[in-house]
Amino acid sequence: MRRRTWRPGLVIACRVAGCWVLALAALRPAIAVAQDPASVPPAAPTAQQTSPQDQADDNGQDFTRPLNLLQLRDSYRTAPGSGGAPGTTRQVTSDVATLRADGRIQLAPQWTLGLRTDLPYVAKNPINSDNPGGNYLFGVGDSDVQAALLHEFDARWAAGVGARLIVPTGGDILGSGKWRIMPGAAVRYALLEVGPNSYVEPLVRYDVSFAGDPAKRNISNLQFAPTVNLGLPDRWFLTFYPSADIRVNYGDPVTGQTGRLFVPFDVMVGRKLTADLSLSLEVSVPIVKDYPVYDFKSEIRLNKSF
């Protein structure tokens, strides 16, 4: 693993500024539509009518409607970490570039098998016996594979269940050092009156370790995302809680933990650049941080569907 000193302050400023620019650009057409008295909500289409439009407007975040896609994601976060002396803490910065591949297999007219795999490349500056200076370390993080069985009931309702297997390819420093399984489920209710690709989709999953380095902390936490996705004019979209970052920790405590609960404010804004290409920016900050998952998080996603 390569080591390098890096000052991330400029990165944070650029990403926060970029978030505000994208958010303002996304909300302007939505406000204009809301102020237009001639705007009328579209009639609720049937399941057969929504399928082609949903495919064109799907931004790749809907658990119940997987796409055949490749995603390049860059995630930047800061979190409390162990300091150089026993009992002290410091901020640890992680920058993770992830290549994600999704696939869908149509089993029957209303049944789909969704497949996913992630391969992360991590830059991180922890302090430990192998890195006492807190320099940046670079290498592959923990990879994962996921399968989910999904059913579309009608034009409004869909649901799915699945599981993700996380492999400790990142070792003890850039990964958790643990084999983990993450079963989960989601239910989607389409907001057809609001617009295309608008929906409410609560998702819940449980991340638990079952093997690996016995010296590393055991992982056991409940994760939840009350996702609300709003399709805006000109192919923009705004998503609240796109990630399952609301968490309750039942496993071993982490640095700085005083309770079990972590609740952030999490929002994403993006645009479908073409029918098969979308770009988005997610920003998240803690509201309740008794279980400190992060102090700040931003993610940029570029999706290419096929």
C-alpha atoms as a PDB file:
ATOM      1  CA  MET A   1       0.000   0.000   0.000  1.00  0.00           C
ATOM      2  CA  ARG A   2       1.278   3.440  -0.946  1.00  0.00           C
ATOM      3  CA  ARG A   3       1.532   6.211   1.631  1.00  0.00           C
ATOM      4  CA  ARG A   4       1.027   9.865   1.014  1.00  0.00           C
ATOM      5  CA  THR A   5       0.212  13.027   2.984  1.00  0.00           C
ATOM      6  CA  TRP A   6      -2.974  14.704   1.776  1.00  0.00           C
ATOM      7  CA  ARG A   7      -4.854  17.794   2.939  1.00  0.00           C
ATOM      8  CA  PRO A   8      -8.576  17.264   2.348  1.00  0.00           C
ATOM      9  CA  GLY A   9      -9.926  20.716   3.254  1.00  0.00           C
ATOM     10  CA  LEU A  10     -10.076  21.910  -0.357  1.00  0.00           C
ATOM     11  CA  VAL A  11     -11.904  18.734  -1.360  1.00  0.00           C
ATOM     12  CA  ILE A  12     -14.624  19.349   1.258  1.00  0.00           C
ATOM     13  CA  ALA A  13     -15.123  22.945   0.152  1.00  0.00           C
ATOM     14  CA  CYS A  14     -15.389  22.027  -3.534  1.00  0.00           C
ATOM     15  CA  ARG A  15     -17.884  19.257  -2.902  1.00  0.00           C
ATOM     16  CA  VAL A  16     -20.104  21.357  -0.631  1.00  0.00           C
ATOM     17  CA  ALA A  17     -20.084  24.165  -3.209  1.00  0.00           C
ATOM     18  CA  GLY A  18     -20.931  21.704  -5.950  1.00  0.00           C
ATOM     19  CA  CYS A  19     -23.836  20.385  -3.892  1.00  0.00           C
ATOM     20  CA  TRP A  20     -25.355  23.863  -3.535  1.00  0.00           C
ATOM     21  CA  VAL A  21     -25.000  24.579  -7.253  1.00  0.00           C
ATOM     22  CA  LEU A  22     -26.695  21.318  -8.207  1.00  0.00           C
ATOM     23  CA  ALA A  23     -29.423  21.741  -5.594  1.00  0.00           C
ATOM     24  CA  LEU A  24     -30.308  25.268  -6.727  1.00  0.00           C
ATOM     25  CA  ALA A  25     -30.343  24.231 -10.361  1.00  0.00           C
ATOM     26  CA  ALA A  26     -32.578  21.277  -9.565  1.00  0.00           C
ATOM     27  CA  LEU A  27     -35.097  23.207  -7.491  1.00  0.00           C
ATOM     28  CA  ARG A  28     -35.604  26.130  -9.896  1.00  0.00           C
ATOM     29  CA  PRO A  29     -37.697  24.167 -12.447  1.00  0.00           C
ATOM     30  CA  ALA A  30     -39.649  22.488  -9.642  1.00  0.00           C
ATOM     31  CA  ILE A  31     -40.583  25.857  -8.135  1.00  0.00           C
ATOM     32  CA  ALA A  32     -41.605  27.167 -11.550  1.00  0.00           C
ATOM     33  CA  VAL A  33     -43.931  24.224 -12.073  1.00  0.00           C
ATOM     34  CA  ALA A  34     -45.439  24.635  -8.598  1.00  0.00           C
ATOM     35  CA  GLN A  35     -46.218  28.297  -9.361  1.00  0.00           C
ATOM     36  CA  ASP A  36     -47.874  27.542 -12.728  1.00  0.00           C
ATOM     37  CA  PRO A  37     -51.658  27.236 -12.203  1.00  0.00           C
ATOM     38  CA  ALA A  38     -52.002  25.464 -15.549  1.00  0.00           C
ATOM     39  CA  SER A  39     -49.922  22.509 -14.426  1.00  0.00           C
ATOM     40  CA  VAL A  40     -52.098  19.432 -13.899  1.00  0.00           C
ATOM     41  CA  PRO A  41     -50.898  16.135 -12.370  1.00  0.00           C
ATOM     42  CA  PRO A  42     -50.833  13.307 -14.921  1.00  0.00           C
ATOM     43  CA  ALA A  43     -53.450  10.587 -14.768  1.00  0.00           C
ATOM     44  CA  ALA A  44     -52.406   7.426 -12.986  1.00  0.00           C
ATOM     45  CA  PRO A  45     -51.183   5.004 -15.652  1.00  0.00           C
ATOM     46  CA  THR A  46     -51.573   1.262 -15.627  1.00  0.00           C
ATOM     47  CA  ALA A  47     -48.716  -1.126 -14.894  1.00  0.00           C
ATOM     48  CA  GLN A  48     -48.254  -1.795 -18.611  1.00  0.00           C
ATOM     49  CA  GLN A  49     -48.056   1.934 -19.402  1.00  0.00           C
ATOM     50  CA  THR A  50     -45.481   2.771 -16.719  1.00  0.00           C
ATOM     51  CA  SER A  51     -42.879   0.187 -17.632  1.00  0.00           C
ATOM     52  CA  PRO A  52     -41.144   1.978 -20.581  1.00  0.00           C
ATOM     53  CA  GLN A  53     -41.312   5.400 -18.888  1.00  0.00           C
ATOM     54  CA  ASP A  54     -40.030   4.024 -15.585  1.00  0.00           C
ATOM     55  CA  GLN A  55     -37.096   2.440 -17.390  1.00  0.00           C
ATOM     56  CA  ALA A  56     -36.215   5.777 -19.032  1.00  0.00           C
ATOM     57  CA  ASP A  57     -36.497   7.802 -15.790  1.00  0.00           C
ATOM     58  CA  ASP A  58     -35.016   5.280 -13.342  1.00  0.00           C
ATOM     59  CA  ASN A  59     -31.840   6.792 -11.844  1.00  0.00           C
ATOM     60  CA  GLY A  60     -30.481   3.480 -10.581  1.00  0.00           C
ATOM     61  CA  GLN A  61     -31.293   4.011  -6.885  1.00  0.00           C
ATOM     62  CA  ASP A  62     -34.559   2.050  -6.747  1.00  0.00           C
ATOM     63  CA  PHE A  63     -33.975  -1.265  -4.941  1.00  0.00           C
ATOM     64  CA  THR A  64     -37.135  -2.811  -6.430  1.00  0.00           C
ATOM     65  CA  ARG A  65     -36.321  -1.845 -10.051  1.00  0.00           C
ATOM     66  CA  PRO A  66     -32.730  -2.904 -10.783  1.00  0.00           C
ATOM     67  CA  LEU A  67     -31.115  -1.855 -14.042  1.00  0.00           C
ATOM     68  CA  ASN A  68     -28.337  -3.299 -16.132  1.00  0.00           C
ATOM     69  CA  LEU A  69     -25.774  -0.637 -15.296  1.00  0.00           C
ATOM     70  CA  LEU A  70     -22.219   0.302 -14.445  1.00  0.00           C
ATOM     71  CA  GLN A  71     -21.673   2.905 -11.751  1.00  0.00           C
ATOM     72  CA  LEU A  72     -18.563   4.863 -10.823  1.00  0.00           C
ATOM     73  CA  ARG A  73     -18.982   6.261  -7.301  1.00  0.00           C
ATOM     74  CA  ASP A  74     -16.645   8.447  -5.258  1.00  0.00           C
ATOM     75  CA  SER A  75     -17.431   8.612  -1.539  1.00  0.00           C
ATOM     76  CA  TYR A  76     -15.715  11.049   0.800  1.00  0.00           C
ATOM     77  CA  ARG A  77     -16.270  10.939   4.555  1.00  0.00           C
ATOM     78  CA  THR A  78     -14.746  11.983   7.837  1.00  0.00           C
ATOM     79  CA  ALA A  79     -15.232  10.089  11.100  1.00  0.00           C
ATOM     80  CA  PRO A  80     -13.711   9.867  14.580  1.00  0.00           C
ATOM     81  CA  GLY A  81     -10.722   7.571  14.898  1.00  0.00           C
ATOM     82  CA  SER A  82      -8.106   6.573  17.434  1.00  0.00           C
ATOM     83  CA  GLY A  83      -5.401   9.134  18.101  1.00  0.00           C
ATOM     84  CA  GLY A  84      -1.678   8.713  18.446  1.00  0.00           C
ATOM     85  CA  ALA A  85      -1.839   8.216  22.222  1.00  0.00           C
ATOM     86  CA  PRO A  86      -4.097   5.768  24.118  1.00  0.00           C
ATOM     87  CA  GLY A  87      -7.490   7.269  24.876  1.00  0.00           C
ATOM     88  CA  THR A  88      -7.182  10.097  22.339  1.00  0.00           C
ATOM     89  CA  THR A  89      -9.158  10.578  19.138  1.00  0.00           C
ATOM     90  CA  ARG A  90      -8.608  12.277  15.802  1.00  0.00           C
ATOM     91  CA  GLN A  91     -10.509  12.704  12.572  1.00  0.00           C
ATOM     92  CA  VAL A  92     -10.004   9.942  10.001  1.00  0.00           C
ATOM     93  CA  THR A  93     -10.693  10.752   6.349  1.00  0.00           C
ATOM     94  CA  SER A  94     -11.712   8.118   3.801  1.00  0.00           C
ATOM     95  CA  ASP A  95     -12.015   8.580   0.055  1.00  0.00           C
ATOM     96  CA  VAL A  96     -13.423   5.509  -1.678  1.00  0.00           C
ATOM     97  CA  ALA A  97     -13.731   5.104  -5.452  1.00  0.00           C
ATOM     98  CA  THR A  98     -16.111   2.213  -6.168  1.00  0.00           C
ATOM     99  CA  LEU A  99     -16.888   0.418  -9.404  1.00  0.00           C
ATOM    100  CA  ARG A 100     -20.379  -1.076  -9.193  1.00  0.00           C
ATOM    101  CA  ALA A 101     -22.069  -3.416 -11.659  1.00  0.00           C
ATOM    102  CA  ASP A 102     -25.805  -4.231 -11.580  1.00  0.00           C
ATOM    103  CA  GLY A 103     -27.755  -6.779 -13.573  1.00  0.00           C
ATOM    104  CA  ARG A 104     -31.372  -7.866 -13.851  1.00  0.00           C
ATOM    105  CA  ILE A 105     -32.835 -11.202 -14.875  1.00  0.00           C
ATOM    106  CA  GLN A 106     -36.528 -11.239 -15.760  1.00  0.00           C
ATOM    107  CA  LEU A 107     -37.911 -14.433 -14.206  1.00  0.00           C
ATOM    108  CA  ALA A 108     -41.580 -13.797 -15.077  1.00  0.00           C
ATOM    109  CA  PRO A 109     -43.732 -10.796 -16.150  1.00  0.00           C
ATOM    110  CA  GLN A 110     -43.763  -9.369 -12.595  1.00  0.00           C
ATOM    111  CA  TRP A 111     -40.768 -11.151 -11.041  1.00  0.00           C
ATOM    112  CA  THR A 112     -37.152 -10.006 -11.326  1.00  0.00           C
ATOM    113  CA  LEU A 113     -33.825 -11.183  -9.935  1.00  0.00           C
ATOM    114  CA  GLY A 114     -31.510  -8.252  -9.191  1.00  0.00           C
ATOM    115  CA  LEU A 115     -27.739  -8.779  -8.982  1.00  0.00           C
ATOM    116  CA  ARG A 116     -25.056  -6.377  -7.789  1.00  0.00           C
ATOM    117  CA  THR A 117     -21.337  -6.317  -7.031  1.00  0.00           C
ATOM    118  CA  ASP A 118     -19.037  -3.548  -5.730  1.00  0.00           C
ATOM    119  CA  LEU A 119     -15.264  -3.237  -5.924  1.00  0.00           C
ATOM    120  CA  PRO A 120     -13.913  -0.295  -3.856  1.00  0.00           C
ATOM    121  CA  TYR A 121     -10.485   1.347  -3.961  1.00  0.00           C
ATOM    122  CA  VAL A 122      -9.768   3.100  -0.648  1.00  0.00           C
ATOM    123  CA  ALA A 123      -7.603   6.033   0.446  1.00  0.00           C
ATOM    124  CA  LYS A 124      -7.595   6.328   4.247  1.00  0.00           C
ATOM    125  CA  ASN A 125      -5.394   7.837   6.988  1.00  0.00           C
ATOM    126  CA  PRO A 126      -5.874   5.821  10.207  1.00  0.00           C
ATOM    127  CA  ILE A 127      -3.353   5.755  13.037  1.00  0.00           C
ATOM    128  CA  ASN A 128      -2.273   2.259  14.101  1.00  0.00           C
ATOM    129  CA  SER A 129       0.880   0.252  14.784  1.00  0.00           C
ATOM    130  CA  ASP A 130       1.537  -0.110  11.046  1.00  0.00           C
ATOM    131  CA  ASN A 131       0.858   3.573  10.319  1.00  0.00           C
ATOM    132  CA  PRO A 132       1.837   5.602  13.431  1.00  0.00           C
ATOM    133  CA  GLY A 133       2.188   8.807  11.430  1.00  0.00           C
ATOM    134  CA  GLY A 134      -1.390   8.743  10.151  1.00  0.00           C
ATOM    135  CA  ASN A 135      -0.334   8.873   6.502  1.00  0.00           C
ATOM    136  CA  TYR A 136      -2.748   7.986   3.731  1.00  0.00           C
ATOM    137  CA  LEU A 137      -2.870   4.309   2.820  1.00  0.00           C
ATOM    138  CA  PHE A 138      -4.152   3.135  -0.565  1.00  0.00           C
ATOM    139  CA  GLY A 139      -5.576  -0.215  -1.606  1.00  0.00           C
ATOM    140  CA  VAL A 140      -8.617  -2.357  -2.341  1.00  0.00           C
ATOM    141  CA  GLY A 141     -11.373  -2.236   0.290  1.00  0.00           C
ATOM    142  CA  ASP A 142     -14.001  -4.823   1.219  1.00  0.00           C
ATOM    143  CA  SER A 143     -15.854  -6.033  -1.888  1.00  0.00           C
ATOM    144  CA  ASP A 144     -19.389  -7.408  -1.953  1.00  0.00           C
ATOM    145  CA  VAL A 145     -21.978  -9.298  -3.997  1.00  0.00           C
ATOM    146  CA  GLN A 146     -25.765  -9.037  -3.673  1.00  0.00           C
ATOM    147  CA  ALA A 147     -28.842 -10.862  -4.964  1.00  0.00           C
ATOM    148  CA  ALA A 148     -32.477  -9.794  -4.499  1.00  0.00           C
ATOM    149  CA  LEU A 149     -35.833 -11.259  -5.521  1.00  0.00           C
ATOM    150  CA  LEU A 150     -38.259  -8.499  -6.564  1.00  0.00           C
ATOM    151  CA  HIS A 151     -41.978  -8.439  -7.360  1.00  0.00           C
ATOM    152  CA  GLU A 152     -44.056  -5.680  -8.986  1.00  0.00           C
ATOM    153  CA  PHE A 153     -47.669  -5.933  -7.800  1.00  0.00           C
ATOM    154  CA  ASP A 154     -49.089  -3.121  -9.947  1.00  0.00           C
ATOM    155  CA  ALA A 155     -48.241   0.378 -11.181  1.00  0.00           C
ATOM    156  CA  ARG A 156     -47.867   1.671  -7.612  1.00  0.00           C
ATOM    157  CA  TRP A 157     -46.629  -1.187  -5.448  1.00  0.00           C
ATOM    158  CA  ALA A 158     -43.430  -3.253  -5.595  1.00  0.00           C
ATOM    159  CA  ALA A 159     -41.326  -5.080  -3.011  1.00  0.00           C
ATOM    160  CA  GLY A 160     -38.173  -7.113  -2.736  1.00  0.00           C
ATOM    161  CA  VAL A 161     -35.954  -9.102  -0.390  1.00  0.00           C
ATOM    162  CA  GLY A 162     -32.292  -9.936  -0.748  1.00  0.00           C
ATOM    163  CA  ALA A 163     -28.918 -10.352   0.904  1.00  0.00           C
ATOM    164  CA  ARG A 164     -25.437  -8.921   0.439  1.00  0.00           C
ATOM    165  CA  LEU A 165     -22.232 -10.828   1.205  1.00  0.00           C
ATOM    166  CA  ILE A 166     -19.280  -8.605   2.160  1.00  0.00           C
ATOM    167  CA  VAL A 167     -15.824 -10.123   1.729  1.00  0.00           C
ATOM    168  CA  PRO A 168     -12.844  -8.775   3.772  1.00  0.00           C
ATOM    169  CA  THR A 169     -10.638  -8.088   0.734  1.00  0.00           C
ATOM    170  CA  GLY A 170      -9.531  -4.836   2.378  1.00  0.00           C
ATOM    171  CA  GLY A 171      -7.713  -6.641   5.165  1.00  0.00           C
ATOM    172  CA  ASP A 172      -7.461  -5.278   8.708  1.00  0.00           C
ATOM    173  CA  ILE A 173      -6.586  -1.665   7.824  1.00  0.00           C
ATOM    174  CA  LEU A 174      -8.605  -0.663   4.750  1.00  0.00           C
ATOM    175  CA  GLY A 175     -11.499  -2.992   5.542  1.00  0.00           C
ATOM    176  CA  SER A 176     -13.408  -4.411   8.485  1.00  0.00           C
ATOM    177  CA  GLY A 177     -11.387  -7.638   8.677  1.00  0.00           C
ATOM    178  CA  LYS A 178     -14.699  -9.516   8.912  1.00  0.00           C
ATOM    179  CA  TRP A 179     -16.908 -11.634   6.691  1.00  0.00           C
ATOM    180  CA  ARG A 180     -20.390 -10.099   6.837  1.00  0.00           C
ATOM    181  CA  ILE A 181     -23.901 -10.849   5.613  1.00  0.00           C
ATOM    182  CA  MET A 182     -26.512  -8.142   5.112  1.00  0.00           C
ATOM    183  CA  PRO A 183     -30.113  -9.332   4.558  1.00  0.00           C
ATOM    184  CA  GLY A 184     -32.584  -6.619   3.628  1.00  0.00           C
ATOM    185  CA  ALA A 185     -36.012  -5.758   2.251  1.00  0.00           C
ATOM    186  CA  ALA A 186     -37.783  -2.780   0.687  1.00  0.00           C
ATOM    187  CA  VAL A 187     -41.299  -1.748  -0.343  1.00  0.00           C
ATOM    188  CA  ARG A 188     -41.947   0.911  -3.008  1.00  0.00           C
ATOM    189  CA  TYR A 189     -45.090   3.032  -3.423  1.00  0.00           C
ATOM    190  CA  ALA A 190     -45.066   5.089  -6.633  1.00  0.00           C
ATOM    191  CA  LEU A 191     -46.189   8.731  -6.360  1.00  0.00           C
ATOM    192  CA  LEU A 192     -47.758   8.790  -9.815  1.00  0.00           C
ATOM    193  CA  GLU A 193     -49.525  12.107  -9.204  1.00  0.00           C
ATOM    194  CA  VAL A 194     -46.221  13.822  -8.406  1.00  0.00           C
ATOM    195  CA  GLY A 195     -44.402  12.768 -11.563  1.00  0.00           C
ATOM    196  CA  PRO A 196     -42.410  10.031 -13.264  1.00  0.00           C
ATOM    197  CA  ASN A 197     -39.905   8.185 -11.085  1.00  0.00           C
ATOM    198  CA  SER A 198     -41.383   9.666  -7.890  1.00  0.00           C
ATOM    199  CA  TYR A 199     -41.854   7.197  -5.069  1.00  0.00           C
ATOM    200  CA  VAL A 200     -41.562   6.411  -1.368  1.00  0.00           C
ATOM    201  CA  GLU A 201     -39.413   3.370  -0.612  1.00  0.00           C
ATOM    202  CA  PRO A 202     -38.522   2.419   2.985  1.00  0.00           C
ATOM    203  CA  LEU A 203     -35.588   0.000   3.059  1.00  0.00           C
ATOM    204  CA  VAL A 204     -34.308  -1.946   6.066  1.00  0.00           C
ATOM    205  CA  ARG A 205     -31.295  -4.254   6.352  1.00  0.00           C
ATOM    206  CA  TYR A 206     -29.108  -5.833   9.024  1.00  0.00           C
ATOM    207  CA  ASP A 207     -25.303  -5.880   8.812  1.00  0.00           C
ATOM    208  CA  VAL A 208     -23.761  -8.695  10.868  1.00  0.00           C
ATOM    209  CA  SER A 209     -20.290 -10.271  10.881  1.00  0.00           C
ATOM    210  CA  PHE A 210     -19.952 -14.054  11.153  1.00  0.00           C
ATOM    211  CA  ALA A 211     -16.249 -14.823  10.563  1.00  0.00           C
ATOM    212  CA  GLY A 212     -12.867 -13.180  10.065  1.00  0.00           C
ATOM    213  CA  ASP A 213     -10.147 -11.718  12.253  1.00  0.00           C
ATOM    214  CA  PRO A 214     -11.120 -12.414  15.907  1.00  0.00           C
ATOM    215  CA  ALA A 215      -9.125  -9.373  17.001  1.00  0.00           C
ATOM    216  CA  LYS A 216     -11.342  -7.000  15.001  1.00  0.00           C
ATOM    217  CA  ARG A 217     -14.600  -5.706  16.460  1.00  0.00           C
ATOM    218  CA  ASN A 218     -17.800  -7.664  15.835  1.00  0.00           C
ATOM    219  CA  ILE A 219     -20.312  -5.922  13.577  1.00  0.00           C
ATOM    220  CA  SER A 220     -24.048  -6.015  14.282  1.00  0.00           C
ATOM    221  CA  ASN A 221     -26.170  -3.018  13.318  1.00  0.00           C
ATOM    222  CA  LEU A 222     -29.640  -2.286  11.955  1.00  0.00           C
ATOM    223  CA  GLN A 223     -29.706   0.057   8.958  1.00  0.00           C
ATOM    224  CA  PHE A 224     -32.701   1.995   7.625  1.00  0.00           C
ATOM    225  CA  ALA A 225     -33.479   4.372   4.743  1.00  0.00           C
ATOM    226  CA  PRO A 226     -36.892   6.116   4.490  1.00  0.00           C
ATOM    227  CA  THR A 227     -36.190   6.981   0.849  1.00  0.00           C
ATOM    228  CA  VAL A 228     -38.313   9.591  -0.949  1.00  0.00           C
ATOM    229  CA  ASN A 229     -37.442  10.177  -4.610  1.00  0.00           C
ATOM    230  CA  LEU A 230     -38.974  13.116  -6.510  1.00  0.00           C
ATOM    231  CA  GLY A 231     -38.791  13.268 -10.287  1.00  0.00           C
ATOM    232  CA  LEU A 232     -38.395  16.920 -11.304  1.00  0.00           C
ATOM    233  CA  PRO A 233     -38.779  18.646 -14.683  1.00  0.00           C
ATOM    234  CA  ASP A 234     -36.053  18.362 -17.327  1.00  0.00           C
ATOM    235  CA  ARG A 235     -34.964  14.947 -15.937  1.00  0.00           C
ATOM    236  CA  TRP A 236     -33.701  16.301 -12.613  1.00  0.00           C
ATOM    237  CA  PHE A 237     -34.382  14.308  -9.455  1.00  0.00           C
ATOM    238  CA  LEU A 238     -34.180  14.991  -5.722  1.00  0.00           C
ATOM    239  CA  THR A 239     -33.840  12.142  -3.226  1.00  0.00           C
ATOM    240  CA  PHE A 240     -34.083  12.233   0.543  1.00  0.00           C
ATOM    241  CA  TYR A 241     -32.265   9.393   2.345  1.00  0.00           C
ATOM    242  CA  PRO A 242     -30.880   7.572  -0.709  1.00  0.00           C
ATOM    243  CA  SER A 243     -28.536   5.588   1.572  1.00  0.00           C
ATOM    244  CA  ALA A 244     -29.345   3.314   4.518  1.00  0.00           C
ATOM    245  CA  ASP A 245     -27.380   5.480   6.948  1.00  0.00           C
ATOM    246  CA  ILE A 246     -29.857   5.596   9.837  1.00  0.00           C
ATOM    247  CA  ARG A 247     -28.331   2.984  12.136  1.00  0.00           C
ATOM    248  CA  VAL A 248     -28.749   1.300  15.502  1.00  0.00           C
ATOM    249  CA  ASN A 249     -25.593  -0.429  16.727  1.00  0.00           C
ATOM    250  CA  TYR A 250     -25.876  -3.710  18.645  1.00  0.00           C
ATOM    251  CA  GLY A 251     -22.269  -4.755  18.038  1.00  0.00           C
ATOM    252  CA  ASP A 252     -18.974  -3.721  19.580  1.00  0.00           C
ATOM    253  CA  PRO A 253     -18.650   0.044  20.180  1.00  0.00           C
ATOM    254  CA  VAL A 254     -16.659   2.282  17.852  1.00  0.00           C
ATOM    255  CA  THR A 255     -14.418   5.229  18.714  1.00  0.00           C
ATOM    256  CA  GLY A 256     -16.428   8.043  20.302  1.00  0.00           C
ATOM    257  CA  GLN A 257     -19.611   6.028  20.771  1.00  0.00           C
ATOM    258  CA  THR A 258     -21.913   7.124  23.617  1.00  0.00           C
ATOM    259  CA  GLY A 259     -25.132   5.366  22.552  1.00  0.00           C
ATOM    260  CA  ARG A 260     -26.596   3.143  19.851  1.00  0.00           C
ATOM    261  CA  LEU A 261     -28.288   5.569  17.439  1.00  0.00           C
ATOM    262  CA  PHE A 262     -27.024   7.434  14.363  1.00  0.00           C
ATOM    263  CA  VAL A 263     -29.436   9.633  12.369  1.00  0.00           C
ATOM    264  CA  PRO A 264     -28.179  11.917   9.571  1.00  0.00           C
ATOM    265  CA  PHE A 265     -29.828  14.428   7.264  1.00  0.00           C
ATOM    266  CA  ASP A 266     -29.187  12.843   3.874  1.00  0.00           C
ATOM    267  CA  VAL A 267     -30.093  14.356   0.498  1.00  0.00           C
ATOM    268  CA  MET A 268     -29.117  13.720  -3.117  1.00  0.00           C
ATOM    269  CA  VAL A 269     -29.695  15.818  -6.238  1.00  0.00           C
ATOM    270  CA  GLY A 270     -28.989  14.689  -9.776  1.00  0.00           C
ATOM    271  CA  ARG A 271     -30.008  14.633 -13.402  1.00  0.00           C
ATOM    272  CA  LYS A 272     -30.538  12.121 -16.159  1.00  0.00           C
ATOM    273  CA  LEU A 273     -28.103  13.529 -18.716  1.00  0.00           C
ATOM    274  CA  THR A 274     -29.347  11.124 -21.387  1.00  0.00           C
ATOM    275  CA  ALA A 275     -31.705   8.147 -21.421  1.00  0.00           C
ATOM    276  CA  ASP A 276     -28.875   5.901 -20.206  1.00  0.00           C
ATOM    277  CA  LEU A 277     -26.547   8.268 -18.299  1.00  0.00           C
ATOM    278  CA  SER A 278     -27.151  10.007 -14.951  1.00  0.00           C
ATOM    279  CA  LEU A 279     -25.024  12.082 -12.561  1.00  0.00           C
ATOM    280  CA  SER A 280     -25.804  12.819  -8.911  1.00  0.00           C
ATOM    281  CA  LEU A 281     -24.322  14.299  -5.747  1.00  0.00           C
ATOM    282  CA  GLU A 282     -25.277  13.164  -2.222  1.00  0.00           C
ATOM    283  CA  VAL A 283     -24.402  15.073   0.966  1.00  0.00           C
ATOM    284  CA  SER A 284     -25.083  13.900   4.508  1.00  0.00           C
ATOM    285  CA  VAL A 285     -24.440  15.352   7.974  1.00  0.00           C
ATOM    286  CA  PRO A 286     -25.343  13.870  11.397  1.00  0.00           C
ATOM    287  CA  ILE A 287     -28.368  14.940  13.418  1.00  0.00           C
ATOM    288  CA  VAL A 288     -27.982  12.299  16.170  1.00  0.00           C
ATOM    289  CA  LYS A 289     -24.438  10.928  16.523  1.00  0.00           C
ATOM    290  CA  ASP A 290     -24.452   8.730  19.630  1.00  0.00           C
ATOM    291  CA  TYR A 291     -23.094   5.998  17.347  1.00  0.00           C
ATOM    292  CA  PRO A 292     -20.669   8.030  15.175  1.00  0.00           C
ATOM    293  CA  VAL A 293     -20.783   6.531  11.666  1.00  0.00           C
ATOM    294  CA  TYR A 294     -19.374   9.739  10.152  1.00  0.00           C
ATOM    295  CA  ASP A 295     -19.050  13.482  10.721  1.00  0.00           C
ATOM    296  CA  PHE A 296     -19.580  14.374   7.057  1.00  0.00           C
ATOM    297  CA  LYS A 297     -20.243  12.398   3.883  1.00  0.00           C
ATOM    298  CA  SER A 298     -20.488  13.215   0.202  1.00  0.00           C
ATOM    299  CA  GLU A 299     -20.906  10.883  -2.757  1.00  0.00           C
ATOM    300  CA  ILE A 300     -20.749  11.525  -6.478  1.00  0.00           C
ATOM    301  CA  ARG A 301     -22.352   8.879  -8.713  1.00  0.00           C
ATOM    302  CA  LEU A 302     -22.117   8.434 -12.454  1.00  0.00           C
ATOM    303  CA  ASN A 303     -24.467   5.731 -13.804  1.00  0.00           C
ATOM    304  CA  LYS A 304     -24.392   4.193 -17.256  1.00  0.00           C
ATOM    305  CA  SER A 305     -27.352   1.882 -17.957  1.00  0.00           C
ATOM    306  CA  PHE A 306     -27.669  -0.633 -20.778  1.00  0.00           C
END
